[in-house]
Protein backbone atom coordinates (compact mmCIF):
# COMPACT_ATOMS: atom_id res chain seq x y z
CA UNK A 1 -29.36 -10.70 36.91
CA UNK A 2 -28.27 -11.36 40.37
CA UNK A 3 -27.73 -14.66 41.53
CA UNK A 4 -30.42 -16.33 43.32
CA UNK A 5 -29.20 -18.03 46.69
CA UNK A 6 -32.84 -20.00 47.50
CA UNK A 7 -32.32 -23.71 48.22
CA UNK A 8 -28.11 -24.01 48.71
CA UNK A 9 -26.00 -24.25 51.64
CA UNK A 10 -23.90 -21.24 52.93
CA UNK A 11 -20.83 -23.02 51.65
CA UNK A 12 -22.20 -22.89 48.13
CA UNK A 13 -23.27 -19.51 48.85
CA UNK A 14 -19.80 -18.36 49.85
CA UNK A 15 -18.26 -20.31 47.08
CA UNK A 16 -20.91 -18.68 44.67
CA UNK A 17 -20.49 -15.32 46.00
CA UNK A 18 -16.76 -15.17 45.65
CA UNK A 19 -17.14 -16.19 42.01
CA UNK A 20 -19.52 -13.53 41.23
CA UNK A 21 -17.09 -11.05 42.74
CA UNK A 22 -13.81 -12.43 40.94
CA UNK A 23 -16.00 -11.90 37.97
CA UNK A 24 -16.99 -8.80 38.69
CA UNK A 25 -13.50 -7.86 39.62
CA UNK A 26 -12.28 -8.96 36.10
CA UNK A 27 -14.97 -7.31 34.11
CA UNK A 28 -14.00 -3.85 36.08
CA UNK A 29 -10.30 -4.45 35.01
CA UNK A 30 -11.25 -5.75 31.44
CA UNK A 31 -13.51 -2.24 31.10
CA UNK A 32 -11.20 0.08 32.68
CA UNK A 33 -7.74 -0.96 31.39
CA UNK A 34 -7.32 -1.24 27.85
CA UNK A 35 -4.14 -2.69 28.34
CA UNK A 36 -5.31 -5.52 29.73
CA UNK A 37 -6.70 -6.81 26.33
CA UNK A 38 -3.20 -6.94 25.03
CA UNK A 39 -1.29 -10.33 24.49
CA UNK A 40 2.06 -10.66 25.92
CA UNK A 41 4.28 -12.15 23.52
CA UNK A 42 8.03 -13.44 24.43
CA UNK A 43 10.83 -12.20 22.23
CA UNK A 44 11.57 -15.46 20.87
CA UNK A 45 7.90 -15.54 19.19
CA UNK A 46 8.45 -11.60 18.12
CA UNK A 47 11.61 -12.89 16.34
CA UNK A 48 9.63 -15.90 14.56
CA UNK A 49 7.29 -13.60 13.17
CA UNK A 50 9.72 -11.31 12.20
CA UNK A 51 11.59 -13.95 10.47
CA UNK A 52 8.19 -14.88 8.93
CA UNK A 53 7.38 -11.53 7.54
CA UNK A 54 10.72 -10.79 6.29
CA UNK A 55 10.56 -13.85 3.85
CA UNK A 56 6.64 -12.37 2.53
CA UNK A 57 8.48 -9.05 1.99
CA UNK A 58 11.40 -10.15 0.20
CA UNK A 59 9.47 -12.29 -1.88
CA UNK A 60 6.48 -10.85 -2.34
CA UNK A 61 6.08 -7.02 -1.47
CA UNK A 62 5.77 -5.37 -4.70
CA UNK A 63 6.80 -1.72 -3.59
CA UNK A 64 9.54 -3.15 -0.73
CA UNK A 65 12.96 -1.89 -1.31
CA UNK A 66 11.91 0.87 -4.19
CA UNK A 67 12.23 3.53 -2.02
CA UNK A 68 15.32 2.90 -0.34
CA UNK A 69 13.73 1.96 3.26
CA UNK A 70 15.77 -0.65 4.92
CA UNK A 71 13.12 -2.57 6.76
CA UNK A 72 15.53 -5.26 8.06
CA UNK A 73 17.52 -2.90 9.81
CA UNK A 74 14.29 -1.80 11.61
CA UNK A 75 13.63 -5.46 12.34
CA UNK A 76 16.96 -5.91 13.96
CA UNK A 77 17.09 -2.66 16.07
CA UNK A 78 13.80 -3.57 17.17
CA UNK A 79 14.79 -6.78 18.45
CA UNK A 80 17.85 -5.52 19.93
CA UNK A 81 15.43 -2.92 22.06
CA UNK A 82 13.49 -6.04 23.77
CA UNK A 83 15.23 -5.93 27.13
CA UNK A 84 12.11 -7.40 28.78
CA UNK A 85 10.85 -10.77 28.66
CA UNK A 86 7.67 -10.12 26.93
CA UNK A 87 6.11 -7.21 25.32
CA UNK A 88 2.30 -6.41 24.26
CA UNK A 89 0.86 -7.39 20.87
CA UNK A 90 -0.22 -3.70 20.44
CA UNK A 91 3.55 -2.49 20.99
CA UNK A 92 4.90 -5.09 18.23
CA UNK A 93 1.69 -4.27 16.11
CA UNK A 94 2.71 -0.29 16.34
CA UNK A 95 6.12 -1.19 15.47
CA UNK A 96 4.89 -3.23 12.51
CA UNK A 97 2.66 -0.29 11.34
CA UNK A 98 5.24 2.21 11.22
CA UNK A 99 7.43 -0.69 9.24
CA UNK A 100 5.03 -1.39 6.79
CA UNK A 101 3.95 2.42 6.47
CA UNK A 102 7.64 3.35 5.33
CA UNK A 103 7.59 0.93 2.49
CA UNK A 104 4.90 2.99 0.50
CA UNK A 105 2.49 0.43 -0.58
CA UNK A 106 -0.73 2.34 0.51
CA UNK A 107 -2.86 -1.00 0.67
CA UNK A 108 -0.40 -2.88 2.78
CA UNK A 109 -1.78 -2.83 6.55
CA UNK A 110 -1.38 -4.78 9.95
CA UNK A 111 -4.34 -5.23 12.04
CA UNK A 112 -5.62 -7.19 14.88
CA UNK A 113 -3.49 -5.13 17.62
CA UNK A 114 -5.50 -2.59 18.17
CA UNK A 115 -6.87 -1.88 21.92
CA UNK A 116 -10.23 -1.23 22.59
CA UNK A 117 -10.82 2.65 23.38
CA UNK A 118 -12.77 4.00 26.18
CA UNK A 119 -12.41 7.99 26.20
CA UNK A 120 -13.13 10.15 23.34
CA UNK A 121 -13.76 13.70 22.62
CA UNK A 122 -17.57 15.09 22.50
CA UNK A 123 -16.23 17.47 19.87
CA UNK A 124 -15.37 16.47 16.14
CA UNK A 125 -12.57 17.92 14.07
CA UNK A 126 -12.59 18.70 10.26
CA UNK A 127 -9.42 19.54 7.62
CA UNK A 128 -9.91 22.98 6.48
CA UNK A 129 -6.80 24.37 4.25
CA UNK A 130 -3.98 23.86 6.62
CA UNK A 131 -5.80 24.15 9.64
CA UNK A 132 -7.75 21.92 12.24
CA UNK A 133 -11.12 23.10 12.56
CA UNK A 134 -13.23 21.88 15.96
CA UNK A 135 -16.77 21.11 14.96
CA UNK A 136 -19.95 20.03 16.44
CA UNK A 137 -22.43 18.21 14.90
CA UNK A 138 -26.31 19.60 14.81
CA UNK A 139 -28.11 16.22 14.35
CA UNK A 140 -31.56 18.42 14.23
CA UNK A 141 -30.54 20.35 10.88
CA UNK A 142 -27.76 17.49 9.78
CA UNK A 143 -24.99 20.03 9.91
CA UNK A 144 -22.25 21.05 11.66
CA UNK A 145 -21.05 24.46 13.12
CA UNK A 146 -18.24 26.21 14.87
CA UNK A 147 -17.79 24.55 18.30
CA UNK A 148 -16.29 28.08 19.44
CA UNK A 149 -16.85 30.43 16.52
CA UNK A 150 -14.55 33.04 18.14
CA UNK A 151 -11.41 30.62 18.22
CA UNK A 152 -12.54 27.92 15.89
CA UNK A 153 -9.29 26.16 15.27
CA UNK A 154 -6.86 23.57 17.47
CA UNK A 155 -3.91 24.38 18.54
CA UNK A 156 -2.54 22.07 20.85
CA UNK A 157 -3.77 19.12 23.23
CA UNK A 158 -2.18 18.96 26.28
CA UNK A 159 -0.05 21.38 25.34
CA UNK A 160 1.44 19.13 22.53
CA UNK A 161 0.73 21.11 19.33
CA UNK A 162 -1.48 20.12 16.86
CA UNK A 163 1.40 19.94 14.25
CA UNK A 164 3.40 17.25 15.52
CA UNK A 165 0.43 15.10 17.07
CA UNK A 166 -0.83 15.21 13.41
CA UNK A 167 2.69 14.30 12.19
CA UNK A 168 2.87 10.88 14.20
CA UNK A 169 -0.90 9.75 14.53
CA UNK A 170 -0.78 7.60 11.43
CA UNK A 171 2.42 5.51 11.34
CA UNK A 172 0.84 3.05 8.61
CA UNK A 173 -0.25 6.00 6.11
CA UNK A 174 2.89 8.31 6.70
CA UNK A 175 3.54 7.69 2.94
CA UNK A 176 0.11 8.86 1.90
CA UNK A 177 -0.47 11.85 -0.37
CA UNK A 178 -0.59 15.01 1.79
CA UNK A 179 -3.93 16.06 2.15
CA UNK A 180 -5.15 12.22 2.41
CA UNK A 181 -2.86 11.66 5.41
CA UNK A 182 -3.89 15.04 7.00
CA UNK A 183 -7.48 14.73 6.21
CA UNK A 184 -7.29 11.05 7.76
CA UNK A 185 -5.45 11.97 10.92
CA UNK A 186 -7.52 14.84 11.52
CA UNK A 187 -10.74 12.89 11.63
CA UNK A 188 -8.80 10.69 13.97
CA UNK A 189 -8.39 13.27 16.87
CA UNK A 190 -11.67 12.62 18.39
CA UNK A 191 -10.31 9.31 19.31
CA UNK A 192 -7.90 10.84 21.79
CA UNK A 193 -7.62 7.67 23.78
CA UNK A 194 -5.98 6.39 20.77
CA UNK A 195 -3.98 9.01 20.02
CA UNK A 196 -2.55 9.30 23.74
CA UNK A 197 -1.61 5.76 23.49
CA UNK A 198 0.36 6.29 19.75
CA UNK A 199 2.14 9.38 20.89
CA UNK A 200 2.46 8.13 24.72
CA UNK A 201 1.28 10.96 26.53
CA UNK A 202 -1.29 10.82 29.55
CA UNK A 203 -5.33 12.24 29.15
CA UNK A 204 -6.50 13.84 32.43
CA UNK A 205 -10.01 13.85 32.20
CA UNK A 206 -10.82 16.76 31.67
CA UNK A 207 -8.37 17.29 29.31
CA UNK A 208 -7.14 20.85 27.88
CA UNK A 209 -6.78 21.91 24.37
CA UNK A 210 -5.77 25.08 23.07
CA UNK A 211 -7.76 27.43 20.81
CA UNK A 212 -7.19 29.64 18.30
CA UNK A 213 -8.22 32.30 16.01
CA UNK A 214 -6.87 33.77 12.53
CA UNK A 215 -5.33 36.55 14.65
CA UNK A 216 -3.03 33.70 16.33
CA UNK A 217 -5.27 34.96 19.75
CA UNK A 218 -5.33 31.45 21.95
CA UNK A 219 -7.64 30.56 24.44
CA UNK A 220 -7.42 27.29 26.78
CA UNK A 221 -10.24 24.97 27.15
CA UNK A 222 -10.99 22.31 29.72
CA UNK A 223 -13.08 19.66 27.82
CA UNK A 224 -14.69 16.55 29.76
CA UNK A 225 -13.61 13.49 28.20
CA UNK A 226 -16.72 10.93 27.24
CA UNK A 227 -17.53 7.24 26.85
CA UNK A 228 -17.98 5.88 23.44
CA UNK A 229 -21.62 6.14 23.53
CA UNK A 230 -21.37 9.87 24.03
CA UNK A 231 -18.59 10.28 21.65
CA UNK A 232 -18.82 12.91 18.75
CA UNK A 233 -19.93 12.05 15.21
CA UNK A 234 -16.88 11.70 13.01
CA UNK A 235 -16.71 14.99 10.75
CA UNK A 236 -17.44 12.80 7.15
CA UNK A 237 -18.84 14.37 3.86
CA UNK A 238 -20.57 11.22 3.22
CA UNK A 239 -23.44 11.96 5.58
CA UNK A 240 -24.23 14.82 3.55
CA UNK A 241 -24.75 12.65 0.29
CA UNK A 242 -27.66 11.00 0.07
CA UNK A 243 -27.84 7.98 -0.72
CA UNK A 244 -23.75 6.88 -0.20
CA UNK A 245 -22.94 4.30 1.82
CA UNK A 246 -25.54 1.36 0.34
CA UNK A 247 -25.26 -2.27 0.78
CA UNK A 248 -24.57 -4.75 -1.48
CA UNK A 249 -28.07 -5.60 -2.56
CA UNK A 250 -29.09 -2.52 -2.92
CA UNK A 251 -27.09 -1.90 -6.25
CA UNK A 252 -29.30 -4.23 -7.56
CA UNK A 253 -32.61 -2.14 -6.27
CA UNK A 254 -33.63 0.56 -9.10
CA UNK A 255 -35.19 2.74 -6.02
CA UNK A 256 -32.31 2.79 -3.97
CA UNK A 257 -29.67 3.75 -6.60
CA UNK A 258 -32.05 5.89 -8.30
CA UNK A 259 -30.42 8.94 -6.64
CA UNK A 260 -27.33 8.29 -7.67
CA UNK A 261 -28.24 9.65 -10.71
CA UNK A 262 -29.74 13.24 -12.34
CA UNK A 263 -30.68 15.13 -15.48
CA UNK A 264 -30.82 18.50 -14.99
CA UNK A 265 -30.54 21.79 -16.60
CA UNK A 266 -28.84 19.90 -19.56
CA UNK A 267 -25.84 18.40 -17.07
CA UNK A 268 -25.72 15.00 -16.26
CA UNK A 269 -24.63 13.89 -12.90
CA UNK A 270 -23.28 10.75 -11.66
CA UNK A 271 -22.52 10.00 -7.89
CA UNK A 272 -20.29 6.71 -7.39
CA UNK A 273 -19.71 5.86 -3.76
CA UNK A 274 -18.02 2.49 -4.71
CA UNK A 275 -16.44 0.64 -8.12
CA UNK A 276 -18.87 -2.09 -7.86
CA UNK A 277 -18.56 -5.33 -9.74
CA UNK A 278 -20.91 -5.72 -13.16
CA UNK A 279 -21.53 -9.11 -12.39
CA UNK A 280 -22.57 -8.69 -8.95
CA UNK A 281 -24.21 -5.15 -9.98
CA UNK A 282 -26.22 -5.67 -13.16
CA UNK A 283 -29.01 -3.51 -11.99
CA UNK A 284 -26.73 -0.62 -11.32
CA UNK A 285 -25.05 -0.96 -14.81
CA UNK A 286 -28.24 -1.46 -16.27
CA UNK A 287 -29.04 2.07 -14.87
CA UNK A 288 -25.88 3.58 -15.66
CA UNK A 289 -25.91 3.26 -19.24
CA UNK A 290 -29.64 4.00 -19.49
CA UNK A 291 -28.43 7.43 -17.72
CA UNK A 292 -25.95 8.39 -20.27
CA UNK A 293 -27.98 7.22 -23.06
CA UNK A 294 -30.21 9.79 -22.01
CA UNK A 295 -27.57 12.58 -21.36
CA UNK A 296 -26.88 12.50 -24.75
CA UNK A 297 -28.50 15.71 -24.98
CA UNK A 298 -26.69 17.11 -22.38
CA UNK A 299 -24.01 20.06 -22.39
CA UNK A 300 -21.44 18.05 -19.85
CA UNK A 301 -21.43 15.01 -17.74
CA UNK A 302 -19.82 15.11 -13.93
CA UNK A 303 -18.81 12.09 -12.47
CA UNK A 304 -18.29 12.34 -8.79
CA UNK A 305 -16.07 9.96 -7.06
CA UNK A 306 -15.51 11.79 -4.04
CA UNK A 307 -14.54 9.53 -0.64
CA UNK A 308 -15.09 6.69 -2.92
CA UNK A 309 -12.80 3.78 -1.54
CA UNK A 310 -12.38 1.48 -4.47
CA UNK A 311 -13.50 -1.68 -5.68
CA UNK A 312 -13.11 -3.15 -9.26
CA UNK A 313 -12.02 -1.69 -12.73
CA UNK A 314 -15.46 -2.82 -14.41
CA UNK A 315 -17.17 1.20 -14.05
CA UNK A 316 -13.85 1.97 -16.15
CA UNK A 317 -14.32 0.02 -18.83
CA UNK A 318 -18.48 0.60 -19.09
CA UNK A 319 -17.99 4.26 -18.86
CA UNK A 320 -14.77 4.35 -21.61
CA UNK A 321 -17.39 2.59 -23.94
CA UNK A 322 -18.88 6.29 -24.22
CA UNK A 323 -15.82 8.44 -23.39
CA UNK A 324 -13.44 7.15 -25.79
CA UNK A 325 -13.46 7.72 -29.63
CA UNK A 326 -14.27 4.28 -31.43
CA UNK A 327 -11.07 5.08 -33.45
CA UNK A 328 -8.67 5.64 -30.43
CA UNK A 329 -6.46 3.25 -28.53
CA UNK A 330 -4.63 4.64 -25.27
CA UNK A 331 -2.61 3.08 -22.88
CA UNK A 332 -3.57 4.59 -19.54
CA UNK A 333 -1.71 2.15 -17.18
CA UNK A 334 1.13 0.03 -16.81
CA UNK A 335 2.02 -2.43 -14.19
CA UNK A 336 4.72 -5.34 -13.22
CA UNK A 337 3.67 -8.15 -11.13
CA UNK A 338 6.14 -8.97 -8.36
CA UNK A 339 7.28 -12.72 -9.32
CA UNK A 340 9.79 -15.63 -8.06
CA UNK A 341 9.19 -17.89 -11.16
CA UNK A 342 7.12 -17.47 -14.39
CA UNK A 343 3.25 -15.83 -13.58
CA UNK A 344 1.14 -18.43 -12.12
CA UNK A 345 -2.43 -18.79 -13.96
CA UNK A 346 -3.61 -17.38 -10.95
CA UNK A 347 -1.16 -14.11 -11.20
CA UNK A 348 -2.42 -13.97 -14.71
CA UNK A 349 -6.00 -14.32 -14.24
CA UNK A 350 -5.32 -11.09 -10.95
CA UNK A 351 -3.84 -9.15 -13.77
CA UNK A 352 -6.67 -9.86 -16.53
CA UNK A 353 -9.52 -8.94 -13.80
CA UNK A 354 -7.66 -5.77 -13.83
CA UNK A 355 -7.78 -5.58 -17.40
CA UNK A 356 -3.92 -5.68 -17.75
CA UNK A 357 -2.18 -7.59 -20.37
CA UNK A 358 0.85 -8.19 -21.77
CA UNK A 359 2.26 -7.31 -24.78
CA UNK A 360 2.32 -10.76 -26.44
CA UNK A 361 -1.67 -10.71 -25.34
CA UNK A 362 -2.61 -7.76 -27.52
CA UNK A 363 -3.84 -7.15 -31.24
CA UNK A 364 -1.63 -5.61 -33.75
CA UNK A 365 -3.00 -2.66 -33.65
CA UNK A 366 -2.89 -2.60 -29.83
CA UNK A 367 0.86 -3.76 -29.62
CA UNK A 368 1.55 -0.54 -31.77
CA UNK A 369 -0.06 1.76 -29.07
CA UNK A 370 2.19 0.07 -26.53
CA UNK A 371 5.58 0.73 -28.74
CA UNK A 372 4.28 4.35 -29.11
CA UNK A 373 3.54 4.60 -25.52
CA UNK A 374 6.87 3.17 -23.97
CA UNK A 375 8.90 5.05 -26.54
CA UNK A 376 8.46 7.80 -24.23
CA UNK A 377 7.62 6.35 -20.75
CA UNK A 378 9.95 7.10 -17.87
CA UNK A 379 8.87 4.82 -15.02
CA UNK A 380 9.51 6.32 -11.51
CA UNK A 381 11.59 3.00 -10.77
CA UNK A 382 13.10 0.63 -13.42
CA UNK A 383 12.45 -2.74 -11.58
CA UNK A 384 14.60 -5.88 -11.41
CA UNK A 385 13.57 -8.42 -14.44
CA UNK A 386 14.63 -11.15 -12.32
CA UNK A 387 11.71 -10.10 -9.56
CA UNK A 388 9.00 -8.62 -11.49
CA UNK A 389 7.23 -9.95 -14.53
CA UNK A 390 7.26 -7.76 -18.25
CA UNK A 391 5.28 -5.10 -18.43
CA UNK A 392 0.98 -5.55 -18.33
CA UNK A 393 -0.78 -2.98 -20.13
CA UNK A 394 -4.15 -1.30 -19.66
CA UNK A 395 -5.34 -0.25 -22.66
CA UNK A 396 -8.91 1.84 -23.56
CA UNK A 397 -9.54 0.60 -27.22
CA UNK A 398 -12.21 2.82 -28.63
CA UNK A 399 -13.46 0.03 -31.31
CA UNK A 400 -13.79 -2.68 -28.86
CA UNK A 401 -15.36 -0.66 -26.24
CA UNK A 402 -17.89 1.11 -28.04
CA UNK A 403 -19.91 -1.57 -29.33
CA UNK A 404 -23.33 -0.84 -28.76
CA UNK A 405 -22.72 2.60 -27.69
CA UNK A 406 -22.45 6.11 -28.54
CA UNK A 407 -19.52 8.85 -28.58
CA UNK A 408 -20.35 11.27 -25.90
CA UNK A 409 -17.95 14.13 -27.20
CA UNK A 410 -18.89 16.78 -24.78
CA UNK A 411 -17.20 17.82 -22.10
CA UNK A 412 -16.73 15.50 -18.92
CA UNK A 413 -15.69 16.73 -15.38
CA UNK A 414 -14.38 13.98 -13.13
CA UNK A 415 -14.90 15.33 -9.20
CA UNK A 416 -12.37 13.72 -7.02
CA UNK A 417 -10.94 14.05 -3.44
CA UNK A 418 -8.17 13.17 -1.19
CA UNK A 419 -10.21 10.06 0.05
CA UNK A 420 -10.66 8.85 -4.09
CA UNK A 421 -8.62 5.61 -3.04
CA UNK A 422 -7.72 2.19 -4.97
CA UNK A 423 -9.95 1.28 -7.97
CA UNK A 424 -11.75 5.03 -7.87
CA UNK A 425 -7.88 6.59 -7.99
CA UNK A 426 -7.17 4.49 -11.16
CA UNK A 427 -10.59 5.49 -12.91
CA UNK A 428 -9.31 9.16 -11.97
CA UNK A 429 -5.62 8.50 -13.42
CA UNK A 430 -6.61 6.84 -16.80
CA UNK A 431 -9.24 8.94 -17.80
CA UNK A 432 -6.76 12.31 -16.79
CA UNK A 433 -5.72 14.00 -19.91
CA UNK A 434 -7.64 12.23 -22.46
CA UNK A 435 -9.91 14.52 -24.85
CA UNK A 436 -12.80 16.20 -23.55
CA UNK A 437 -11.93 15.12 -19.70
CA UNK A 438 -11.03 17.14 -16.80
CA UNK A 439 -10.16 16.14 -13.40
CA UNK A 440 -11.43 18.67 -10.95
CA UNK A 441 -11.49 18.74 -6.98
CA UNK A 442 -8.31 17.70 -5.13
CA UNK A 443 -5.38 15.30 -5.21
CA UNK A 444 -6.63 11.75 -5.17
CA UNK A 445 -5.26 9.46 -2.70
CA UNK A 446 -4.22 7.08 -5.40
CA UNK A 447 -3.43 3.26 -4.77
CA UNK A 448 -3.15 0.52 -6.99
CA UNK A 449 -1.27 -3.22 -5.94
CA UNK A 450 -3.20 -6.51 -6.50
CA UNK A 451 -2.76 -7.07 -2.71
CA UNK A 452 -2.35 -9.90 -0.63
CA UNK A 453 -3.39 -11.05 2.87
CA UNK A 454 -1.00 -12.77 5.24
CA UNK A 455 -1.17 -14.04 8.93
CA UNK A 456 1.97 -13.81 11.47
CA UNK A 457 2.02 -17.40 13.32
CA UNK A 458 2.74 -16.65 16.81
CA UNK A 459 1.54 -13.11 17.36
CA UNK A 460 -1.41 -13.58 14.88
CA UNK A 461 -1.82 -10.42 13.66
CA UNK A 462 -3.39 -9.89 10.34
CA UNK A 463 -1.99 -7.78 7.47
CA UNK A 464 -1.79 -7.26 3.45
CA UNK A 465 0.95 -6.07 1.25
CA UNK A 466 0.61 -5.30 -2.48
CA UNK A 467 2.16 -7.87 -5.16
CA UNK A 468 2.32 -5.42 -8.41
CA UNK A 469 4.25 -1.91 -9.02
CA UNK A 470 1.55 0.15 -10.81
CA UNK A 471 2.44 3.34 -12.98
CA UNK A 472 0.54 6.20 -14.32
CA UNK A 473 1.02 7.37 -18.03
CA UNK A 474 3.58 9.72 -16.81
CA UNK A 475 5.69 7.45 -15.17
CA UNK A 476 4.79 8.59 -11.61
CA UNK A 477 3.27 5.51 -9.14
CA UNK A 478 -0.11 5.80 -8.04
CA UNK A 479 0.65 4.94 -4.13
CA UNK A 480 1.92 7.84 -2.27
CA UNK A 481 1.69 9.93 -4.94
CA UNK A 482 -2.52 10.13 -6.43
CA UNK A 483 -3.24 12.26 -9.33
CA UNK A 484 -3.23 16.14 -9.61
CA UNK A 485 -6.43 17.67 -10.39
CA UNK A 486 -6.57 19.86 -13.93
CA UNK A 487 -8.57 22.32 -11.87
CA UNK A 488 -8.26 22.79 -7.95
CA UNK A 489 -11.37 23.03 -6.01
CA UNK A 490 -11.10 22.98 -2.21
CA UNK A 491 -13.84 22.90 0.46
CA UNK A 492 -15.32 25.72 1.64
CA UNK A 493 -16.65 26.25 5.27
CA UNK A 494 -20.26 25.87 4.12
CA UNK A 495 -19.33 22.36 2.66
CA UNK A 496 -17.27 21.44 6.18
CA UNK A 497 -20.64 22.64 7.67
CA UNK A 498 -22.45 20.64 5.48
CA UNK A 499 -24.70 23.37 4.54
CA UNK A 500 -23.98 23.20 0.14
CA UNK A 501 -21.96 21.01 -1.89
CA UNK A 502 -19.54 23.77 -2.81
CA UNK A 503 -17.13 21.74 -4.89
CA UNK A 504 -19.98 20.34 -7.30
CA UNK A 505 -21.52 23.81 -7.37
CA UNK A 506 -18.18 25.17 -8.37
CA UNK A 507 -17.94 22.33 -11.45
CA UNK A 508 -21.53 23.13 -12.22
CA UNK A 509 -20.25 27.16 -12.48
CA UNK A 510 -17.62 26.21 -14.63
CA UNK A 511 -19.75 24.11 -16.84
CA UNK A 512 -22.22 27.20 -16.85
CA UNK A 513 -19.39 30.15 -17.85
CA UNK A 514 -19.36 31.01 -21.23
């Protein structure tokens, strides 16, 4: 609202006008120059923060040092490269994100350094095989379509090949499984100002992009960049699924979650958007149990954990009561907690919440299963006994889990994709290779780390690291590896355009095939 000058003198008017113009000038600078948002840090402040982070990584990070990466050498080089009085928090944050990413901890991150973007593409991008598909969202149909059907693929931006852009775009995720990294990076291309800042190239407006077709023929197009309100809608399969992203309270609302379950043509289907806690979501678990009871007469079950970002392991326990034979005991996950002394009570409770227990905490039958498991278990990394706890084991004991349940002995299909993460990727990993269970879809974005947050005192950057090393049954890590499907089912073009759920339909075909 404009100032009103009624009833004040000329000198006051002049002073108010100067302040108003100054305010407009500051506001204009704020909106037009994202770099103005970046706090400046002295070299001494950065050195203190690096020393602080160094202590955290040395004493608490579970994955630090396992893959041979020497972060301390990069700390030193970064300090030596600072040849001016101050650098921005953004530059420091980018460096730390790259550093954390090289450690190989998929739960780790650095945040609070990002700069507000103001320019975006009015088009979206989707991964298709090993290509970047340029797509346009059609809100009337709730579908995507080719932005340019004759030249559907993105070849370069501002004459920079897309392969180069992709490889450098997400430094914090550089050691993610290949498919997970590619999908996340492709989607991020929409935020072109962020891309240009990370790769340090100018973005004229309009901006030239090069498109290509399957024959390799190219076409240069100049695209007018837009502000946030006009930016394209991210390509995201979750828009296709209804419901998908539910609010916390909706998991206790029968009407909201009813659409997650279906029983049609003797096939049970369960969509799992999040790995919710049983204590917080009793209604969800009530409906889940009712669903599996009704599914007793089905020919097969499909558990869909695509795009599930994780949560707790409670759902694994609940499903295992039906999926594991009452006479069976399986060791399905082994982990070691980073420590500097005997495990604290809090650390033990964190492990127990993940259903991880030391051998001494198990009964005689379970201990025998652990001994059999360890006789053939070859972990990717042999860990230092002085720095890590003894192994803690996740066991699925059918006798304990099946109380009040029945054994579902028909085929079970776990449908996963490259955005199946954290506890959802644990679900896929622990059930893989067990009787009657098949993993279908694509490789998961595995991760399991018992993470801990921290704050750097001078830059005020916040972050998270894992404090537990988690192994799959075959000795592989979850982080950076994920779990491979037994049956590979990739997206079709129609699925990318949200015209059909091709992956789900293929699973149904598998079930119905003789």
